[in-house]
Amino acid sequence: MENEEYEYWLSGPIPNVPNLLQPAAHALLQSERELKKYTEDFPKELLWAKTAGRASVGFHMNHITGVLDRMITYAKGESLSEEQFQFLKAEGSFNLTTEVADLQEQFSTKVAEALAYFKTLPESSLSEKRTVGRKKLPSTVIGLLFHAAEHSQRHIGQLLVTVSVLQSKL
């Protein structure tokens, strides 16, 4: 059961997620919680603002959703679709009509999809070889899913700093 007093990794196992994927599941759920927390009441007009030459909050929110989607696709042994390539191309695009809540929901939806996928995986499949991108770089199912989780956490940290700096200027 979730207890917001603790980070997800201290809240016990997530039902039906293989033991080896518990850390990735916890990291994704922590990212989702922190994304909502750090962008709660974040001004829409600052969504695409950059500070110190770093990526915007909107980019980070789009990017973690896109990376998670792409890593799941690769973990399934599939190639990216044209829609996924278009999403990748537009991750950092300035768009004044984008709502913070929509970006939050977009990531939450992708996290739910990822956890549903995790629940379908037998642990014996986690070491299966997979490739990444057009260059077919080597990885494994667990490598891709772990990368999606740690990559999300890394961008949440960057997002927090950007949010803090931008809001300190208000």
Protein backbone atom coordinates (compact mmCIF):
# COMPACT_ATOMS: atom_id res chain seq x y z
CA MET A 1 0.00 0.00 0.00
CA GLU A 2 1.29 3.45 -0.90
CA ASN A 3 2.34 5.71 1.94
CA GLU A 4 3.51 9.13 0.75
CA GLU A 5 5.57 9.50 3.90
CA TYR A 6 8.02 7.00 2.37
CA GLU A 7 9.63 6.69 -1.01
CA TYR A 8 8.17 3.90 -3.10
CA TRP A 9 11.12 1.58 -2.62
CA LEU A 10 10.31 1.57 1.13
CA SER A 11 6.62 0.84 0.59
CA GLY A 12 6.87 -2.86 -0.13
CA PRO A 13 6.53 -4.89 -3.30
CA ILE A 14 4.14 -3.98 -6.07
CA PRO A 15 1.76 -6.91 -6.57
CA ASN A 16 2.40 -9.13 -9.59
CA VAL A 17 5.58 -7.30 -10.66
CA PRO A 18 8.52 -9.74 -10.91
CA ASN A 19 11.01 -9.34 -8.05
CA LEU A 20 13.82 -8.30 -10.39
CA LEU A 21 11.65 -5.48 -11.77
CA GLN A 22 10.56 -4.12 -8.38
CA PRO A 23 13.33 -1.46 -8.32
CA ALA A 24 12.37 -0.22 -11.79
CA ALA A 25 8.67 -0.18 -10.88
CA HIS A 26 9.40 1.71 -7.66
CA ALA A 27 11.56 4.26 -9.51
CA LEU A 28 8.85 4.88 -12.12
CA LEU A 29 6.18 5.34 -9.45
CA GLN A 30 8.51 7.68 -7.53
CA SER A 31 9.11 9.66 -10.72
CA GLU A 32 5.38 9.94 -11.30
CA ARG A 33 4.77 11.14 -7.73
CA GLU A 34 7.60 13.68 -7.89
CA LEU A 35 6.61 14.96 -11.32
CA LYS A 36 3.16 15.81 -9.98
CA LYS A 37 4.57 17.27 -6.77
CA TYR A 38 7.18 19.49 -8.42
CA THR A 39 4.89 20.73 -11.19
CA GLU A 40 1.81 21.25 -9.03
CA ASP A 41 0.66 24.82 -9.67
CA PHE A 42 3.60 25.34 -12.05
CA PRO A 43 2.78 28.32 -14.30
CA LYS A 44 1.93 27.28 -17.84
CA GLU A 45 3.75 30.32 -19.22
CA LEU A 46 7.04 28.97 -17.81
CA LEU A 47 6.61 25.46 -19.22
CA TRP A 48 8.99 26.08 -22.15
CA ALA A 49 11.30 28.58 -20.44
CA LYS A 50 14.97 27.65 -20.29
CA THR A 51 17.36 28.74 -17.62
CA ALA A 52 21.16 28.63 -17.71
CA GLY A 53 20.93 27.08 -21.16
CA ARG A 54 19.25 23.96 -19.79
CA ALA A 55 16.17 22.13 -21.01
CA SER A 56 12.71 23.39 -20.19
CA VAL A 57 10.29 21.78 -17.76
CA GLY A 58 8.04 20.93 -20.73
CA PHE A 59 10.91 19.12 -22.43
CA HIS A 60 11.66 17.02 -19.34
CA MET A 61 7.98 16.10 -18.95
CA ASN A 62 7.67 15.07 -22.59
CA HIS A 63 11.05 13.37 -22.68
CA ILE A 64 10.50 11.00 -19.75
CA THR A 65 7.21 9.92 -21.29
CA GLY A 66 8.83 9.38 -24.68
CA VAL A 67 11.84 7.49 -23.33
CA LEU A 68 9.63 5.19 -21.28
CA ASP A 69 7.48 4.49 -24.32
CA ARG A 70 10.49 3.81 -26.53
CA MET A 71 12.24 1.55 -24.00
CA ILE A 72 9.09 -0.55 -23.59
CA THR A 73 8.85 -0.87 -27.37
CA TYR A 74 12.44 -2.06 -27.59
CA ALA A 75 11.95 -4.42 -24.62
CA LYS A 76 9.09 -6.01 -26.55
CA GLY A 77 11.51 -6.56 -29.44
CA GLU A 78 9.67 -4.09 -31.66
CA SER A 79 10.78 -1.14 -33.77
CA LEU A 80 9.57 2.38 -33.18
CA SER A 81 6.47 3.50 -35.03
CA GLU A 82 6.18 6.66 -37.09
CA GLU A 83 4.05 8.12 -34.27
CA GLN A 84 6.89 7.49 -31.81
CA PHE A 85 9.40 9.17 -34.13
CA GLN A 86 7.09 12.19 -34.40
CA PHE A 87 6.76 12.34 -30.60
CA LEU A 88 10.56 12.20 -30.27
CA LYS A 89 10.97 15.01 -32.77
CA ALA A 90 8.46 17.20 -30.90
CA GLU A 91 9.60 16.52 -27.31
CA GLY A 92 11.14 19.95 -26.84
CA SER A 93 8.86 21.90 -29.15
CA PHE A 94 7.55 25.14 -27.71
CA ASN A 95 3.76 24.89 -27.54
CA LEU A 96 1.75 27.52 -25.67
CA THR A 97 -1.40 25.40 -25.78
CA THR A 98 0.17 22.58 -23.75
CA GLU A 99 -1.23 22.25 -20.24
CA VAL A 100 0.94 21.12 -17.33
CA ALA A 101 -1.84 18.74 -16.20
CA ASP A 102 -1.90 17.12 -19.65
CA LEU A 103 1.84 16.42 -19.47
CA GLN A 104 1.42 15.01 -15.96
CA GLU A 105 -1.38 12.73 -17.15
CA GLN A 106 0.61 11.68 -20.21
CA PHE A 107 3.43 10.40 -17.98
CA SER A 108 1.02 8.77 -15.51
CA THR A 109 -0.64 6.89 -18.35
CA LYS A 110 2.72 5.67 -19.64
CA VAL A 111 3.80 4.56 -16.14
CA ALA A 112 0.56 2.58 -15.79
CA GLU A 113 1.22 0.96 -19.18
CA ALA A 114 4.78 0.12 -18.12
CA LEU A 115 3.66 -1.51 -14.87
CA ALA A 116 1.01 -3.50 -16.72
CA TYR A 117 3.74 -4.68 -19.10
CA PHE A 118 6.08 -5.56 -16.20
CA LYS A 119 3.33 -7.84 -14.83
CA THR A 120 3.28 -9.84 -18.06
CA LEU A 121 6.99 -10.66 -17.96
CA PRO A 122 8.33 -13.89 -16.53
CA GLU A 123 11.65 -13.31 -14.79
CA SER A 124 13.21 -15.84 -17.15
CA SER A 125 12.66 -13.41 -20.05
CA LEU A 126 14.52 -10.48 -18.48
CA SER A 127 17.95 -11.50 -19.75
CA GLU A 128 16.75 -11.90 -23.34
CA LYS A 129 18.76 -9.88 -25.83
CA ARG A 130 17.22 -6.79 -27.38
CA THR A 131 18.50 -4.01 -29.58
CA VAL A 132 18.12 -0.26 -29.42
CA GLY A 133 17.56 2.13 -32.27
CA ARG A 134 18.48 2.09 -35.91
CA LYS A 135 22.03 1.08 -35.06
CA LYS A 136 20.68 -2.00 -33.22
CA LEU A 137 22.86 -1.38 -30.16
CA PRO A 138 22.86 -4.33 -27.74
CA SER A 139 20.79 -4.51 -24.57
CA THR A 140 18.47 -6.86 -22.69
CA VAL A 141 14.87 -6.65 -21.56
CA ILE A 142 15.91 -5.81 -18.00
CA GLY A 143 18.55 -3.37 -19.24
CA LEU A 144 15.96 -1.43 -21.22
CA LEU A 145 13.43 -1.36 -18.39
CA PHE A 146 16.04 -0.37 -15.83
CA HIS A 147 17.26 2.40 -18.14
CA ALA A 148 13.72 3.74 -18.54
CA ALA A 149 13.38 3.94 -14.76
CA GLU A 150 16.75 5.48 -13.97
CA HIS A 151 16.47 7.88 -16.90
CA SER A 152 13.13 9.09 -15.56
CA GLN A 153 14.65 9.66 -12.12
CA ARG A 154 17.57 11.60 -13.63
CA HIS A 155 15.23 13.91 -15.53
CA ILE A 156 13.01 14.41 -12.49
CA GLY A 157 16.09 15.74 -10.68
CA GLN A 158 16.85 18.09 -13.54
CA LEU A 159 13.19 19.15 -13.70
CA LEU A 160 13.20 19.95 -9.96
CA VAL A 161 16.19 22.26 -10.34
CA THR A 162 14.67 24.02 -13.36
CA VAL A 163 11.30 24.42 -11.61
CA SER A 164 13.04 25.80 -8.50
CA VAL A 165 15.14 28.30 -10.43
CA LEU A 166 12.22 29.51 -12.56
CA GLN A 167 9.87 29.86 -9.61
CA SER A 168 12.50 31.73 -7.58
CA LYS A 169 12.40 34.43 -10.27
CA LEU A 170 8.64 35.03 -9.87
